[in-house]
Amino acid sequence: VEIELERRRDAGSLNSAAVTANDVITISDMEELKAHAEKTVVYIEAYSSEGSGSGSGFIISPDGYAVTAAHVVRGAEEIRVRIRPNGNNGPSIFAAAKVVVALKHADMALIKIDAVGLSYLSMLEESKDAEPGEPIYLIGYPLGAMVSDNRNVLNYTMTQGNVSAKQHKNGYDLTLIDILAVQGNSGGPIIS
């Protein structure tokens, strides 16, 4: 099922983008997954006149496009993204970002980070769907990356869960998952 991301007025030259709802990223080696997550999963801080919030996201292209939850960036006047381009071998960098498009009904947003040459998670159009009972992993920065007081070091978490059920409803393929997600995990990838 494809969800068309409608053009937003300030989207620049992008007319639309498509994200396949059942995209599944498969990495067979856990160490490879951890190393890749360090470079591609980002911590997002969103600021507005009403306050601030934070969440997670993941880079989907080397030129800085990333996916997050729409509620993470809703109403943001300023967005800062913390990236760890060298994984454990280097410090975090901070980059500004802007919302390209946000879909409230799907709680999905596409943002553009002011950075290039980034590592990214490839969202495969033709991939194996996770089946009920199979393990999945949620990667993100819960509670504002609370595990570190040093703002130059990002410490993500990886939480294991499983696929509980699958169904087709109102034109969408839905996957019910059983996984512990806390505030700040919003927008992070779920990988099988």
C-alpha atoms as a PDB file:
ATOM      1  CA  VAL A   1       0.000   0.000   0.000  1.00  0.00           C
ATOM      2  CA  GLU A   2       1.465   3.339  -0.927  1.00  0.00           C
ATOM      3  CA  ILE A   3       0.746   6.469   1.033  1.00  0.00           C
ATOM      4  CA  GLU A   4       1.100   9.546  -1.130  1.00  0.00           C
ATOM      5  CA  LEU A   5       2.690  12.407   0.732  1.00  0.00           C
ATOM      6  CA  GLU A   6       0.784  15.440  -0.479  1.00  0.00           C
ATOM      7  CA  ARG A   7       2.680  18.563  -1.433  1.00  0.00           C
ATOM      8  CA  ARG A   8       3.024  21.113   1.319  1.00  0.00           C
ATOM      9  CA  ARG A   9       3.289  24.777   0.309  1.00  0.00           C
ATOM     10  CA  ASP A  10       6.821  25.172   1.614  1.00  0.00           C
ATOM     11  CA  ALA A  11       8.018  21.878   0.152  1.00  0.00           C
ATOM     12  CA  GLY A  12      10.095  23.619  -2.510  1.00  0.00           C
ATOM     13  CA  SER A  13      10.526  21.621  -5.700  1.00  0.00           C
ATOM     14  CA  LEU A  14       9.115  18.364  -4.308  1.00  0.00           C
ATOM     15  CA  ASN A  15       5.700  17.682  -5.805  1.00  0.00           C
ATOM     16  CA  SER A  16       5.151  14.449  -3.943  1.00  0.00           C
ATOM     17  CA  ALA A  17       6.940  11.464  -2.529  1.00  0.00           C
ATOM     18  CA  ALA A  18       5.735   7.934  -1.938  1.00  0.00           C
ATOM     19  CA  VAL A  19       6.506   5.753   1.027  1.00  0.00           C
ATOM     20  CA  THR A  20       5.470   2.123   0.984  1.00  0.00           C
ATOM     21  CA  ALA A  21       3.684   1.369   4.250  1.00  0.00           C
ATOM     22  CA  ASN A  22       4.887  -2.224   4.434  1.00  0.00           C
ATOM     23  CA  ASP A  23       8.550  -1.426   3.786  1.00  0.00           C
ATOM     24  CA  VAL A  24      10.640  -3.797   5.830  1.00  0.00           C
ATOM     25  CA  ILE A  25      14.364  -3.380   6.297  1.00  0.00           C
ATOM     26  CA  THR A  26      16.060  -6.722   6.785  1.00  0.00           C
ATOM     27  CA  ILE A  27      19.541  -6.942   8.258  1.00  0.00           C
ATOM     28  CA  SER A  28      20.641 -10.464   9.116  1.00  0.00           C
ATOM     29  CA  ASP A  29      23.517  -9.659  11.472  1.00  0.00           C
ATOM     30  CA  MET A  30      22.767  -7.955  14.826  1.00  0.00           C
ATOM     31  CA  GLU A  31      26.183  -6.253  14.971  1.00  0.00           C
ATOM     32  CA  GLU A  32      25.617  -4.868  11.463  1.00  0.00           C
ATOM     33  CA  LEU A  33      22.215  -3.572  12.583  1.00  0.00           C
ATOM     34  CA  LYS A  34      23.702  -1.825  15.627  1.00  0.00           C
ATOM     35  CA  ALA A  35      26.529  -0.252  13.612  1.00  0.00           C
ATOM     36  CA  HIS A  36      24.120   0.981  10.940  1.00  0.00           C
ATOM     37  CA  ALA A  37      21.626   2.321  13.492  1.00  0.00           C
ATOM     38  CA  GLU A  38      24.318   4.478  15.094  1.00  0.00           C
ATOM     39  CA  LYS A  39      24.737   6.325  11.790  1.00  0.00           C
ATOM     40  CA  THR A  40      21.166   6.462  10.496  1.00  0.00           C
ATOM     41  CA  VAL A  41      18.745   6.804  13.423  1.00  0.00           C
ATOM     42  CA  VAL A  42      18.538  10.432  14.560  1.00  0.00           C
ATOM     43  CA  TYR A  43      17.389  12.379  17.593  1.00  0.00           C
ATOM     44  CA  ILE A  44      15.027  15.244  16.753  1.00  0.00           C
ATOM     45  CA  GLU A  45      14.373  18.356  18.841  1.00  0.00           C
ATOM     46  CA  ALA A  46      11.422  20.517  17.778  1.00  0.00           C
ATOM     47  CA  TYR A  47      10.857  24.040  19.106  1.00  0.00           C
ATOM     48  CA  SER A  48       7.851  26.352  18.897  1.00  0.00           C
ATOM     49  CA  SER A  49       6.544  29.360  20.781  1.00  0.00           C
ATOM     50  CA  GLU A  50       4.426  26.926  22.817  1.00  0.00           C
ATOM     51  CA  GLY A  51       7.392  24.814  23.971  1.00  0.00           C
ATOM     52  CA  SER A  52       9.602  22.029  22.775  1.00  0.00           C
ATOM     53  CA  GLY A  53       9.472  18.324  22.157  1.00  0.00           C
ATOM     54  CA  SER A  54      11.669  15.535  20.937  1.00  0.00           C
ATOM     55  CA  GLY A  55      11.579  12.204  19.211  1.00  0.00           C
ATOM     56  CA  SER A  56      13.419   9.914  16.878  1.00  0.00           C
ATOM     57  CA  GLY A  57      13.657   9.538  13.130  1.00  0.00           C
ATOM     58  CA  PHE A  58      15.711   7.787  10.495  1.00  0.00           C
ATOM     59  CA  ILE A  59      17.591   8.989   7.436  1.00  0.00           C
ATOM     60  CA  ILE A  60      16.336   7.553   4.130  1.00  0.00           C
ATOM     61  CA  SER A  61      18.650   9.277   1.624  1.00  0.00           C
ATOM     62  CA  PRO A  62      22.245  10.521   1.536  1.00  0.00           C
ATOM     63  CA  ASP A  63      21.047  14.069   0.835  1.00  0.00           C
ATOM     64  CA  GLY A  64      19.301  14.405   4.191  1.00  0.00           C
ATOM     65  CA  TYR A  65      15.709  13.245   3.824  1.00  0.00           C
ATOM     66  CA  ALA A  66      14.432  11.526   6.943  1.00  0.00           C
ATOM     67  CA  VAL A  67      11.179  10.033   8.228  1.00  0.00           C
ATOM     68  CA  THR A  68       9.693  10.682  11.659  1.00  0.00           C
ATOM     69  CA  ALA A  69       6.295  10.760  13.324  1.00  0.00           C
ATOM     70  CA  ALA A  70       4.199  13.806  12.379  1.00  0.00           C
ATOM     71  CA  HIS A  71       3.424  14.587  16.026  1.00  0.00           C
ATOM     72  CA  VAL A  72       7.177  14.961  16.745  1.00  0.00           C
ATOM     73  CA  VAL A  73       7.463  17.963  14.391  1.00  0.00           C
ATOM     74  CA  ARG A  74       3.878  19.299  14.404  1.00  0.00           C
ATOM     75  CA  GLY A  75       3.847  23.085  14.773  1.00  0.00           C
ATOM     76  CA  ALA A  76       7.649  23.321  14.961  1.00  0.00           C
ATOM     77  CA  GLU A  77       9.198  26.663  14.125  1.00  0.00           C
ATOM     78  CA  GLU A  78      12.705  25.255  14.481  1.00  0.00           C
ATOM     79  CA  ILE A  79      13.924  21.672  14.149  1.00  0.00           C
ATOM     80  CA  ARG A  80      17.375  20.469  15.191  1.00  0.00           C
ATOM     81  CA  VAL A  81      18.569  16.987  14.369  1.00  0.00           C
ATOM     82  CA  ARG A  82      21.444  15.266  16.129  1.00  0.00           C
ATOM     83  CA  ILE A  83      23.319  12.869  13.872  1.00  0.00           C
ATOM     84  CA  ARG A  84      26.198  10.524  14.580  1.00  0.00           C
ATOM     85  CA  PRO A  85      27.737  10.163  11.084  1.00  0.00           C
ATOM     86  CA  ASN A  86      30.748   8.141  12.242  1.00  0.00           C
ATOM     87  CA  GLY A  87      28.868   5.919  14.659  1.00  0.00           C
ATOM     88  CA  ASN A  88      30.744   5.249  17.866  1.00  0.00           C
ATOM     89  CA  ASN A  89      33.931   6.612  16.288  1.00  0.00           C
ATOM     90  CA  GLY A  90      32.971  10.256  16.400  1.00  0.00           C
ATOM     91  CA  PRO A  91      30.929  12.974  18.030  1.00  0.00           C
ATOM     92  CA  SER A  92      27.389  14.001  17.255  1.00  0.00           C
ATOM     93  CA  ILE A  93      26.719  16.825  14.861  1.00  0.00           C
ATOM     94  CA  PHE A  94      23.724  19.140  14.950  1.00  0.00           C
ATOM     95  CA  ALA A  95      21.880  20.157  11.795  1.00  0.00           C
ATOM     96  CA  ALA A  96      18.794  22.219  11.094  1.00  0.00           C
ATOM     97  CA  ALA A  97      15.833  20.567   9.394  1.00  0.00           C
ATOM     98  CA  LYS A  98      12.505  21.550   7.858  1.00  0.00           C
ATOM     99  CA  VAL A  99       9.266  19.664   7.415  1.00  0.00           C
ATOM    100  CA  VAL A 100       8.706  18.757   3.774  1.00  0.00           C
ATOM    101  CA  VAL A 101       5.320  17.169   4.352  1.00  0.00           C
ATOM    102  CA  ALA A 102       3.374  15.747   7.295  1.00  0.00           C
ATOM    103  CA  LEU A 103       0.423  13.376   7.208  1.00  0.00           C
ATOM    104  CA  LYS A 104      -1.581  13.765  10.397  1.00  0.00           C
ATOM    105  CA  HIS A 105      -3.858  10.783   9.654  1.00  0.00           C
ATOM    106  CA  ALA A 106      -0.849   8.453   9.252  1.00  0.00           C
ATOM    107  CA  ASP A 107       1.294  10.238  11.872  1.00  0.00           C
ATOM    108  CA  MET A 108       4.153  10.312   9.371  1.00  0.00           C
ATOM    109  CA  ALA A 109       6.393  13.185   8.330  1.00  0.00           C
ATOM    110  CA  LEU A 110       9.179  13.644   5.817  1.00  0.00           C
ATOM    111  CA  ILE A 111      11.828  16.149   6.884  1.00  0.00           C
ATOM    112  CA  LYS A 112      14.880  17.543   5.084  1.00  0.00           C
ATOM    113  CA  ILE A 113      18.053  17.806   7.155  1.00  0.00           C
ATOM    114  CA  ASP A 114      20.606  20.438   6.130  1.00  0.00           C
ATOM    115  CA  ALA A 115      23.371  17.890   5.570  1.00  0.00           C
ATOM    116  CA  VAL A 116      24.609  15.673   2.740  1.00  0.00           C
ATOM    117  CA  GLY A 117      26.662  12.522   2.378  1.00  0.00           C
ATOM    118  CA  LEU A 118      24.752  10.796   5.165  1.00  0.00           C
ATOM    119  CA  SER A 119      24.389   7.080   5.799  1.00  0.00           C
ATOM    120  CA  TYR A 120      20.805   5.971   5.396  1.00  0.00           C
ATOM    121  CA  LEU A 121      18.393   3.085   5.819  1.00  0.00           C
ATOM    122  CA  SER A 122      17.322   1.750   2.454  1.00  0.00           C
ATOM    123  CA  MET A 123      13.566   1.285   2.332  1.00  0.00           C
ATOM    124  CA  LEU A 124      13.141  -1.695   0.039  1.00  0.00           C
ATOM    125  CA  GLU A 125       9.992  -1.750  -2.094  1.00  0.00           C
ATOM    126  CA  GLU A 126      10.195  -5.494  -2.593  1.00  0.00           C
ATOM    127  CA  SER A 127      10.990  -7.035   0.757  1.00  0.00           C
ATOM    128  CA  LYS A 128       9.767  -9.864   2.923  1.00  0.00           C
ATOM    129  CA  ASP A 129       6.902  -8.911   5.192  1.00  0.00           C
ATOM    130  CA  ALA A 130       7.377  -9.783   8.838  1.00  0.00           C
ATOM    131  CA  GLU A 131       4.964 -12.521   9.865  1.00  0.00           C
ATOM    132  CA  PRO A 132       3.188 -12.996  13.225  1.00  0.00           C
ATOM    133  CA  GLY A 133       5.605 -14.316  15.841  1.00  0.00           C
ATOM    134  CA  GLU A 134       8.710 -12.926  14.125  1.00  0.00           C
ATOM    135  CA  PRO A 135      10.992 -10.607  16.104  1.00  0.00           C
ATOM    136  CA  ILE A 136      11.177  -6.869  15.397  1.00  0.00           C
ATOM    137  CA  TYR A 137      13.377  -4.113  16.788  1.00  0.00           C
ATOM    138  CA  LEU A 138      12.428  -0.536  17.640  1.00  0.00           C
ATOM    139  CA  ILE A 139      15.380   1.858  17.570  1.00  0.00           C
ATOM    140  CA  GLY A 140      15.213   5.358  18.987  1.00  0.00           C
ATOM    141  CA  TYR A 141      16.085   7.874  21.665  1.00  0.00           C
ATOM    142  CA  PRO A 142      13.484   7.499  24.435  1.00  0.00           C
ATOM    143  CA  LEU A 143      12.997  10.269  26.965  1.00  0.00           C
ATOM    144  CA  GLY A 144      15.339  12.624  25.156  1.00  0.00           C
ATOM    145  CA  ALA A 145      18.307  10.249  24.979  1.00  0.00           C
ATOM    146  CA  MET A 146      18.276  10.333  28.764  1.00  0.00           C
ATOM    147  CA  VAL A 147      21.067   7.828  29.127  1.00  0.00           C
ATOM    148  CA  SER A 148      23.697  10.513  28.551  1.00  0.00           C
ATOM    149  CA  ASP A 149      24.127  13.961  30.029  1.00  0.00           C
ATOM    150  CA  ASN A 150      26.828  14.726  27.452  1.00  0.00           C
ATOM    151  CA  ARG A 151      24.934  16.373  24.573  1.00  0.00           C
ATOM    152  CA  ASN A 152      27.730  15.417  22.158  1.00  0.00           C
ATOM    153  CA  VAL A 153      27.129  11.701  22.678  1.00  0.00           C
ATOM    154  CA  LEU A 154      23.992   9.974  21.432  1.00  0.00           C
ATOM    155  CA  ASN A 155      22.902   6.782  23.104  1.00  0.00           C
ATOM    156  CA  TYR A 156      20.088   5.063  21.263  1.00  0.00           C
ATOM    157  CA  THR A 157      18.091   2.150  22.573  1.00  0.00           C
ATOM    158  CA  MET A 158      17.111  -0.991  20.724  1.00  0.00           C
ATOM    159  CA  THR A 159      14.005  -2.730  22.031  1.00  0.00           C
ATOM    160  CA  GLN A 160      12.903  -6.175  20.865  1.00  0.00           C
ATOM    161  CA  GLY A 161       9.296  -7.141  20.324  1.00  0.00           C
ATOM    162  CA  ASN A 162       7.335  -9.208  17.854  1.00  0.00           C
ATOM    163  CA  VAL A 163       4.681  -9.072  15.184  1.00  0.00           C
ATOM    164  CA  SER A 164       1.355 -10.050  16.753  1.00  0.00           C
ATOM    165  CA  ALA A 165      -1.031 -10.027  13.779  1.00  0.00           C
ATOM    166  CA  LYS A 166      -1.625  -8.673  10.291  1.00  0.00           C
ATOM    167  CA  GLN A 167      -4.845  -7.493   8.690  1.00  0.00           C
ATOM    168  CA  HIS A 168      -6.180  -5.427   5.812  1.00  0.00           C
ATOM    169  CA  LYS A 169      -8.540  -2.642   6.880  1.00  0.00           C
ATOM    170  CA  ASN A 170      -9.939   0.427   5.090  1.00  0.00           C
ATOM    171  CA  GLY A 171      -7.551  -0.060   2.182  1.00  0.00           C
ATOM    172  CA  TYR A 172      -4.426  -0.382   4.337  1.00  0.00           C
ATOM    173  CA  ASP A 173      -2.261  -3.361   5.221  1.00  0.00           C
ATOM    174  CA  LEU A 174      -1.849  -3.133   8.989  1.00  0.00           C
ATOM    175  CA  THR A 175       0.641  -4.888  11.229  1.00  0.00           C
ATOM    176  CA  LEU A 176      -0.051  -5.181  14.951  1.00  0.00           C
ATOM    177  CA  ILE A 177       3.154  -5.229  16.948  1.00  0.00           C
ATOM    178  CA  ASP A 178       3.897  -6.014  20.578  1.00  0.00           C
ATOM    179  CA  ILE A 179       6.811  -3.865  21.736  1.00  0.00           C
ATOM    180  CA  LEU A 180       7.563  -1.469  24.582  1.00  0.00           C
ATOM    181  CA  ALA A 181       7.799   2.071  23.225  1.00  0.00           C
ATOM    182  CA  VAL A 182       8.241   5.072  25.487  1.00  0.00           C
ATOM    183  CA  GLN A 183       8.120   8.800  24.874  1.00  0.00           C
ATOM    184  CA  GLY A 184      10.938   9.743  22.527  1.00  0.00           C
ATOM    185  CA  ASN A 185      10.838   6.497  20.519  1.00  0.00           C
ATOM    186  CA  SER A 186       8.209   8.089  18.288  1.00  0.00           C
ATOM    187  CA  GLY A 187       9.409   8.265  14.698  1.00  0.00           C
ATOM    188  CA  GLY A 188      12.162   5.682  15.055  1.00  0.00           C
ATOM    189  CA  PRO A 189      12.312   2.727  12.655  1.00  0.00           C
ATOM    190  CA  ILE A 190      10.911  -0.699  13.378  1.00  0.00           C
ATOM    191  CA  ILE A 191      13.165  -3.242  11.735  1.00  0.00           C
ATOM    192  CA  SER A 192      12.672  -6.969  11.221  1.00  0.00           C
END
